[in-house]
C-alpha cells in the first residue's frame, strides 16, 4: 500500500540503495490492472517493469510506457517442451514483439534460462542489442539441460566472460542481477565469489 511504501523508501535512502526493477510481474490487457503496476513503479522511482506479458496487451503496454516513461522488459524463462505457446525463451521472438515498438520496450535477459533452453547467451545479446534493459545472470553446470543448476560465475557453461564482453561491446549499462538459485540457504559465499569474478574480469584484447 501507499502507507507501507514510506518506510521502505526511507530504508532504501538510508542504505544508499536505488530500486531499479520490479518483477517478474504479469502485465495483462486490462488498463486498470496494468496501470496499478506502473503507478507503483512511478511512486517507488523504479524505471523498469520486468514482465512476461500477455501478447495481446502490447498496445496498452506501449501506451503506458510512453505515458510513465518507464521501460518494460520481457523476461525469459526456459523453453517448455509441453507448452509450445510459451515463446519468450526465444530471443528472436522477443525481438519480433518489440522491434517496431517504443524504444523503451525490450528484454530482461535471463542468461541462465537461455542456457537451459539451448540458446547461446552471447548470440542472443548481440541479437537484442539496444533492447536489453536488465539482465539476470546465472552460470550453469550444463548447456541445454533444463535442470542444470548454478555454479560460481566463470566456472560453468554460460560463458560469463563472453557475456560480459558482449555487454561491453553493445554498451549495456546494466543492471546485472546476481541470481543464484542453488544451495539456497547457504549460497552467500558462492554469490560473493561470483561478484569477485566480475570485479576482477578484464575484457580480452
C-alpha atoms as a PDB file:
ATOM      1  CA  UNK A   1       0.000   0.000   0.000  1.00  0.00           C
ATOM      2  CA  UNK A   2       0.973   3.646  -0.271  1.00  0.00           C
ATOM      3  CA  UNK A   3       1.370   3.789   3.512  1.00  0.00           C
ATOM      4  CA  UNK A   4       3.663   0.762   3.580  1.00  0.00           C
ATOM      5  CA  UNK A   5       5.966   2.262   0.944  1.00  0.00           C
ATOM      6  CA  UNK A   6       7.157   5.159   3.107  1.00  0.00           C
ATOM      7  CA  UNK A   7       9.325   3.077   5.488  1.00  0.00           C
ATOM      8  CA  UNK A   8      10.668   1.080   2.532  1.00  0.00           C
ATOM      9  CA  UNK A   9      11.692   4.294   0.779  1.00  0.00           C
ATOM     10  CA  UNK A  10      13.279   5.560   3.991  1.00  0.00           C
ATOM     11  CA  UNK A  11      15.245   2.343   4.451  1.00  0.00           C
ATOM     12  CA  UNK A  12      16.481   2.406   0.853  1.00  0.00           C
ATOM     13  CA  UNK A  13      17.565   6.012   1.243  1.00  0.00           C
ATOM     14  CA  UNK A  14      19.372   5.249   4.489  1.00  0.00           C
ATOM     15  CA  UNK A  15      21.266   2.409   2.816  1.00  0.00           C
ATOM     16  CA  UNK A  16      22.052   4.421  -0.305  1.00  0.00           C
ATOM     17  CA  UNK A  17      20.214   1.921  -2.485  1.00  0.00           C
ATOM     18  CA  UNK A  18      18.202   2.621  -5.631  1.00  0.00           C
ATOM     19  CA  UNK A  19      15.475   0.185  -6.710  1.00  0.00           C
ATOM     20  CA  UNK A  20      15.936  -0.432 -10.420  1.00  0.00           C
ATOM     21  CA  UNK A  21      13.370  -3.030 -11.474  1.00  0.00           C
ATOM     22  CA  UNK A  22      10.073  -4.548 -10.423  1.00  0.00           C
ATOM     23  CA  UNK A  23       9.000  -8.047 -11.405  1.00  0.00           C
ATOM     24  CA  UNK A  24       8.718 -10.563 -12.825  1.00  0.00           C
ATOM     25  CA  UNK A  25       5.096  -9.390 -12.873  1.00  0.00           C
ATOM     26  CA  UNK A  26       2.215 -10.115 -15.238  1.00  0.00           C
ATOM     27  CA  UNK A  27       1.005  -7.286 -17.461  1.00  0.00           C
ATOM     28  CA  UNK A  28      -2.487  -8.004 -18.761  1.00  0.00           C
ATOM     29  CA  UNK A  29      -4.615  -6.387 -21.428  1.00  0.00           C
ATOM     30  CA  UNK A  30      -6.507  -4.663 -18.628  1.00  0.00           C
ATOM     31  CA  UNK A  31      -5.712  -0.980 -18.266  1.00  0.00           C
ATOM     32  CA  UNK A  32      -6.792  -0.608 -14.652  1.00  0.00           C
ATOM     33  CA  UNK A  33      -4.774  -3.640 -13.579  1.00  0.00           C
ATOM     34  CA  UNK A  34      -1.629  -2.750 -15.547  1.00  0.00           C
ATOM     35  CA  UNK A  35      -1.836   0.910 -14.588  1.00  0.00           C
ATOM     36  CA  UNK A  36      -1.598  -0.080 -10.893  1.00  0.00           C
ATOM     37  CA  UNK A  37       1.796  -1.627 -11.614  1.00  0.00           C
ATOM     38  CA  UNK A  38       3.070   1.465 -13.420  1.00  0.00           C
ATOM     39  CA  UNK A  39       1.685   3.718 -10.662  1.00  0.00           C
ATOM     40  CA  UNK A  40       3.565   1.647  -8.082  1.00  0.00           C
ATOM     41  CA  UNK A  41       6.822   1.865 -10.037  1.00  0.00           C
ATOM     42  CA  UNK A  42       6.465   5.604 -10.567  1.00  0.00           C
ATOM     43  CA  UNK A  43       5.864   6.152  -6.857  1.00  0.00           C
ATOM     44  CA  UNK A  44       8.870   3.992  -5.923  1.00  0.00           C
ATOM     45  CA  UNK A  45      11.052   5.650  -8.601  1.00  0.00           C
ATOM     46  CA  UNK A  46      11.564   2.291 -10.342  1.00  0.00           C
ATOM     47  CA  UNK A  47      12.494   2.610 -14.002  1.00  0.00           C
ATOM     48  CA  UNK A  48      11.916  -0.909 -15.335  1.00  0.00           C
ATOM     49  CA  UNK A  49       8.882  -3.185 -15.204  1.00  0.00           C
ATOM     50  CA  UNK A  50      10.030  -6.770 -15.793  1.00  0.00           C
ATOM     51  CA  UNK A  51       7.227  -8.907 -17.196  1.00  0.00           C
ATOM     52  CA  UNK A  52       6.122 -11.938 -19.134  1.00  0.00           C
ATOM     53  CA  UNK A  53       3.139 -10.049 -20.515  1.00  0.00           C
ATOM     54  CA  UNK A  54       0.031 -11.119 -22.344  1.00  0.00           C
ATOM     55  CA  UNK A  55       0.868 -10.764 -26.034  1.00  0.00           C
ATOM     56  CA  UNK A  56      -2.466  -9.064 -26.723  1.00  0.00           C
ATOM     57  CA  UNK A  57      -1.510  -6.346 -24.212  1.00  0.00           C
ATOM     58  CA  UNK A  58       1.294  -4.755 -26.223  1.00  0.00           C
ATOM     59  CA  UNK A  59      -0.698  -1.773 -27.494  1.00  0.00           C
ATOM     60  CA  UNK A  60      -1.703  -0.988 -23.912  1.00  0.00           C
ATOM     61  CA  UNK A  61       1.823  -1.570 -22.592  1.00  0.00           C
ATOM     62  CA  UNK A  62       3.249   0.766 -25.215  1.00  0.00           C
ATOM     63  CA  UNK A  63       0.739   3.437 -24.206  1.00  0.00           C
ATOM     64  CA  UNK A  64       1.742   3.121 -20.532  1.00  0.00           C
ATOM     65  CA  UNK A  65       5.466   3.034 -21.293  1.00  0.00           C
ATOM     66  CA  UNK A  66       5.123   6.335 -23.146  1.00  0.00           C
ATOM     67  CA  UNK A  67       2.893   7.923 -20.523  1.00  0.00           C
ATOM     68  CA  UNK A  68       5.003   6.966 -17.491  1.00  0.00           C
ATOM     69  CA  UNK A  69       8.443   6.954 -19.181  1.00  0.00           C
ATOM     70  CA  UNK A  70       9.085   3.560 -17.601  1.00  0.00           C
ATOM     71  CA  UNK A  71      10.705   0.728 -19.528  1.00  0.00           C
ATOM     72  CA  UNK A  72       9.091  -2.684 -19.960  1.00  0.00           C
ATOM     73  CA  UNK A  73      11.482  -5.627 -20.200  1.00  0.00           C
ATOM     74  CA  UNK A  74      10.279  -9.075 -21.287  1.00  0.00           C
ATOM     75  CA  UNK A  75      11.736 -11.786 -19.069  1.00  0.00           C
ATOM     76  CA  UNK A  76      12.524 -15.243 -20.426  1.00  0.00           C
ATOM     77  CA  UNK A  77      12.032 -18.495 -18.566  1.00  0.00           C
ATOM     78  CA  UNK A  78      13.307 -21.771 -20.077  1.00  0.00           C
ATOM     79  CA  UNK A  79      11.771 -23.477 -23.068  1.00  0.00           C
ATOM     80  CA  UNK A  80       8.729 -25.575 -22.123  1.00  0.00           C
ATOM     81  CA  UNK A  81       8.552 -28.699 -24.306  1.00  0.00           C
ATOM     82  CA  UNK A  82       4.966 -29.389 -23.234  1.00  0.00           C
ATOM     83  CA  UNK A  83       3.842 -25.798 -23.774  1.00  0.00           C
ATOM     84  CA  UNK A  84       4.602 -24.654 -27.309  1.00  0.00           C
ATOM     85  CA  UNK A  85       2.611 -21.484 -26.733  1.00  0.00           C
ATOM     86  CA  UNK A  86       5.373 -20.274 -24.409  1.00  0.00           C
ATOM     87  CA  UNK A  87       7.887 -18.498 -26.650  1.00  0.00           C
ATOM     88  CA  UNK A  88       9.617 -15.879 -24.503  1.00  0.00           C
ATOM     89  CA  UNK A  89      12.600 -18.223 -24.185  1.00  0.00           C
ATOM     90  CA  UNK A  90      13.428 -17.389 -27.843  1.00  0.00           C
ATOM     91  CA  UNK A  91      15.285 -14.056 -28.231  1.00  0.00           C
ATOM     92  CA  UNK A  92      14.222 -13.814 -31.882  1.00  0.00           C
ATOM     93  CA  UNK A  93      10.577 -13.989 -30.812  1.00  0.00           C
ATOM     94  CA  UNK A  94      11.124 -11.357 -28.113  1.00  0.00           C
ATOM     95  CA  UNK A  95      12.781  -9.090 -30.674  1.00  0.00           C
ATOM     96  CA  UNK A  96       9.873  -9.561 -33.064  1.00  0.00           C
ATOM     97  CA  UNK A  97       7.498  -8.291 -30.369  1.00  0.00           C
ATOM     98  CA  UNK A  98       9.398  -5.092 -29.590  1.00  0.00           C
ATOM     99  CA  UNK A  99      11.467  -4.108 -32.633  1.00  0.00           C
ATOM    100  CA  UNK A 100       8.747  -1.896 -34.120  1.00  0.00           C
ATOM    101  CA  UNK A 101       7.567  -0.579 -30.762  1.00  0.00           C
ATOM    102  CA  UNK A 102       8.653   2.268 -28.499  1.00  0.00           C
ATOM    103  CA  UNK A 103      12.404   2.002 -27.758  1.00  0.00           C
ATOM    104  CA  UNK A 104      11.577   1.607 -24.059  1.00  0.00           C
ATOM    105  CA  UNK A 105      10.140  -1.854 -24.764  1.00  0.00           C
ATOM    106  CA  UNK A 106      12.700  -4.629 -24.733  1.00  0.00           C
ATOM    107  CA  UNK A 107      14.231  -7.566 -22.883  1.00  0.00           C
ATOM    108  CA  UNK A 108      15.190  -8.620 -19.391  1.00  0.00           C
ATOM    109  CA  UNK A 109      17.835 -11.098 -20.486  1.00  0.00           C
ATOM    110  CA  UNK A 110      17.986 -14.129 -18.205  1.00  0.00           C
ATOM    111  CA  UNK A 111      21.289 -15.662 -19.245  1.00  0.00           C
ATOM    112  CA  UNK A 112      20.822 -18.904 -17.305  1.00  0.00           C
ATOM    113  CA  UNK A 113      17.400 -19.598 -18.756  1.00  0.00           C
ATOM    114  CA  UNK A 114      18.808 -19.048 -22.245  1.00  0.00           C
ATOM    115  CA  UNK A 115      21.452 -21.675 -21.460  1.00  0.00           C
ATOM    116  CA  UNK A 116      18.788 -24.089 -20.210  1.00  0.00           C
ATOM    117  CA  UNK A 117      16.927 -23.522 -23.482  1.00  0.00           C
ATOM    118  CA  UNK A 118      19.991 -24.247 -25.625  1.00  0.00           C
ATOM    119  CA  UNK A 119      20.450 -20.589 -26.616  1.00  0.00           C
ATOM    120  CA  UNK A 120      23.982 -19.166 -26.602  1.00  0.00           C
ATOM    121  CA  UNK A 121      23.814 -16.000 -24.485  1.00  0.00           C
ATOM    122  CA  UNK A 122      26.432 -14.087 -26.479  1.00  0.00           C
ATOM    123  CA  UNK A 123      24.445 -14.605 -29.700  1.00  0.00           C
ATOM    124  CA  UNK A 124      21.216 -13.537 -28.004  1.00  0.00           C
ATOM    125  CA  UNK A 125      22.810 -10.415 -26.532  1.00  0.00           C
ATOM    126  CA  UNK A 126      24.067  -9.260 -29.928  1.00  0.00           C
ATOM    127  CA  UNK A 127      20.675 -10.022 -31.476  1.00  0.00           C
ATOM    128  CA  UNK A 128      18.875  -7.894 -28.884  1.00  0.00           C
ATOM    129  CA  UNK A 129      21.384  -5.032 -28.931  1.00  0.00           C
ATOM    130  CA  UNK A 130      19.723  -1.805 -27.834  1.00  0.00           C
ATOM    131  CA  UNK A 131      16.698  -3.611 -26.414  1.00  0.00           C
ATOM    132  CA  UNK A 132      18.221  -5.157 -23.268  1.00  0.00           C
ATOM    133  CA  UNK A 133      17.335  -3.121 -20.180  1.00  0.00           C
ATOM    134  CA  UNK A 134      18.024  -5.630 -17.415  1.00  0.00           C
ATOM    135  CA  UNK A 135      19.827  -8.953 -17.068  1.00  0.00           C
ATOM    136  CA  UNK A 136      19.629 -11.871 -14.664  1.00  0.00           C
ATOM    137  CA  UNK A 137      22.988 -13.634 -14.568  1.00  0.00           C
ATOM    138  CA  UNK A 138      23.404 -17.328 -13.866  1.00  0.00           C
ATOM    139  CA  UNK A 139      26.326 -19.611 -14.665  1.00  0.00           C
ATOM    140  CA  UNK A 140      25.127 -23.199 -15.036  1.00  0.00           C
ATOM    141  CA  UNK A 141      26.837 -26.566 -14.845  1.00  0.00           C
ATOM    142  CA  UNK A 142      25.462 -27.751 -18.215  1.00  0.00           C
ATOM    143  CA  UNK A 143      24.272 -26.315 -21.530  1.00  0.00           C
ATOM    144  CA  UNK A 144      20.836 -27.204 -22.897  1.00  0.00           C
ATOM    145  CA  UNK A 145      19.740 -29.009 -19.728  1.00  0.00           C
ATOM    146  CA  UNK A 146      16.524 -27.621 -18.181  1.00  0.00           C
ATOM    147  CA  UNK A 147      17.593 -28.993 -14.788  1.00  0.00           C
ATOM    148  CA  UNK A 148      21.120 -27.540 -14.794  1.00  0.00           C
ATOM    149  CA  UNK A 149      21.859 -25.631 -11.594  1.00  0.00           C
ATOM    150  CA  UNK A 150      24.008 -22.634 -10.746  1.00  0.00           C
ATOM    151  CA  UNK A 151      27.730 -22.654 -10.197  1.00  0.00           C
ATOM    152  CA  UNK A 152      30.151 -19.827  -9.384  1.00  0.00           C
ATOM    153  CA  UNK A 153      30.345 -17.382 -12.271  1.00  0.00           C
ATOM    154  CA  UNK A 154      33.163 -18.156 -14.644  1.00  0.00           C
ATOM    155  CA  UNK A 155      33.226 -21.885 -13.829  1.00  0.00           C
ATOM    156  CA  UNK A 156      30.183 -23.095 -15.778  1.00  0.00           C
ATOM    157  CA  UNK A 157      28.742 -23.306 -19.279  1.00  0.00           C
ATOM    158  CA  UNK A 158      27.095 -19.877 -19.581  1.00  0.00           C
ATOM    159  CA  UNK A 159      30.308 -18.289 -20.929  1.00  0.00           C
ATOM    160  CA  UNK A 160      30.187 -15.442 -18.410  1.00  0.00           C
ATOM    161  CA  UNK A 161      33.410 -13.861 -19.785  1.00  0.00           C
ATOM    162  CA  UNK A 162      31.763 -13.813 -23.232  1.00  0.00           C
ATOM    163  CA  UNK A 163      28.551 -12.409 -21.754  1.00  0.00           C
ATOM    164  CA  UNK A 164      30.426  -9.571 -20.035  1.00  0.00           C
ATOM    165  CA  UNK A 165      32.388  -8.857 -23.211  1.00  0.00           C
ATOM    166  CA  UNK A 166      29.207  -8.809 -25.264  1.00  0.00           C
ATOM    167  CA  UNK A 167      27.543  -6.412 -22.831  1.00  0.00           C
ATOM    168  CA  UNK A 168      30.596  -4.160 -23.007  1.00  0.00           C
ATOM    169  CA  UNK A 169      30.546  -4.288 -26.820  1.00  0.00           C
ATOM    170  CA  UNK A 170      26.902  -3.263 -27.097  1.00  0.00           C
ATOM    171  CA  UNK A 171      27.233  -0.564 -24.438  1.00  0.00           C
ATOM    172  CA  UNK A 172      24.813  -2.144 -21.974  1.00  0.00           C
ATOM    173  CA  UNK A 173      24.878  -0.003 -18.814  1.00  0.00           C
ATOM    174  CA  UNK A 174      23.290  -2.571 -16.507  1.00  0.00           C
ATOM    175  CA  UNK A 175      21.852  -3.537 -14.183  1.00  0.00           C
ATOM    176  CA  UNK A 176      23.190  -7.051 -13.834  1.00  0.00           C
ATOM    177  CA  UNK A 177      21.382  -9.122 -11.213  1.00  0.00           C
ATOM    178  CA  UNK A 178      23.081 -11.938  -9.347  1.00  0.00           C
ATOM    179  CA  UNK A 179      20.571 -14.786  -9.342  1.00  0.00           C
ATOM    180  CA  UNK A 180      21.968 -17.833  -7.610  1.00  0.00           C
ATOM    181  CA  UNK A 181      19.192 -20.407  -7.319  1.00  0.00           C
ATOM    182  CA  UNK A 182      21.194 -23.264  -5.850  1.00  0.00           C
ATOM    183  CA  UNK A 183      22.281 -24.119  -2.321  1.00  0.00           C
ATOM    184  CA  UNK A 184      19.606 -21.603  -1.324  1.00  0.00           C
ATOM    185  CA  UNK A 185      20.216 -21.478   2.416  1.00  0.00           C
ATOM    186  CA  UNK A 186      23.995 -21.154   2.278  1.00  0.00           C
ATOM    187  CA  UNK A 187      24.927 -19.652  -1.075  1.00  0.00           C
ATOM    188  CA  UNK A 188      26.316 -16.303   0.097  1.00  0.00           C
ATOM    189  CA  UNK A 189      29.944 -17.474  -0.418  1.00  0.00           C
ATOM    190  CA  UNK A 190      29.134 -18.511  -3.997  1.00  0.00           C
ATOM    191  CA  UNK A 191      27.398 -15.198  -4.705  1.00  0.00           C
ATOM    192  CA  UNK A 192      30.381 -13.273  -3.275  1.00  0.00           C
ATOM    193  CA  UNK A 193      32.794 -15.351  -5.359  1.00  0.00           C
ATOM    194  CA  UNK A 194      30.689 -14.645  -8.445  1.00  0.00           C
ATOM    195  CA  UNK A 195      30.780 -10.905  -7.814  1.00  0.00           C
ATOM    196  CA  UNK A 196      34.527 -11.091  -7.249  1.00  0.00           C
ATOM    197  CA  UNK A 197      34.803 -12.714 -10.669  1.00  0.00           C
ATOM    198  CA  UNK A 198      33.080  -9.686 -12.211  1.00  0.00           C
ATOM    199  CA  UNK A 199      35.248  -7.228 -10.284  1.00  0.00           C
ATOM    200  CA  UNK A 200      38.433  -8.982 -11.462  1.00  0.00           C
ATOM    201  CA  UNK A 201      37.262  -9.620 -15.029  1.00  0.00           C
ATOM    202  CA  UNK A 202      39.101  -7.876 -17.832  1.00  0.00           C
ATOM    203  CA  UNK A 203      37.929  -7.913 -21.463  1.00  0.00           C
ATOM    204  CA  UNK A 204      40.034  -9.857 -23.933  1.00  0.00           C
ATOM    205  CA  UNK A 205      42.224  -7.668 -26.141  1.00  0.00           C
END
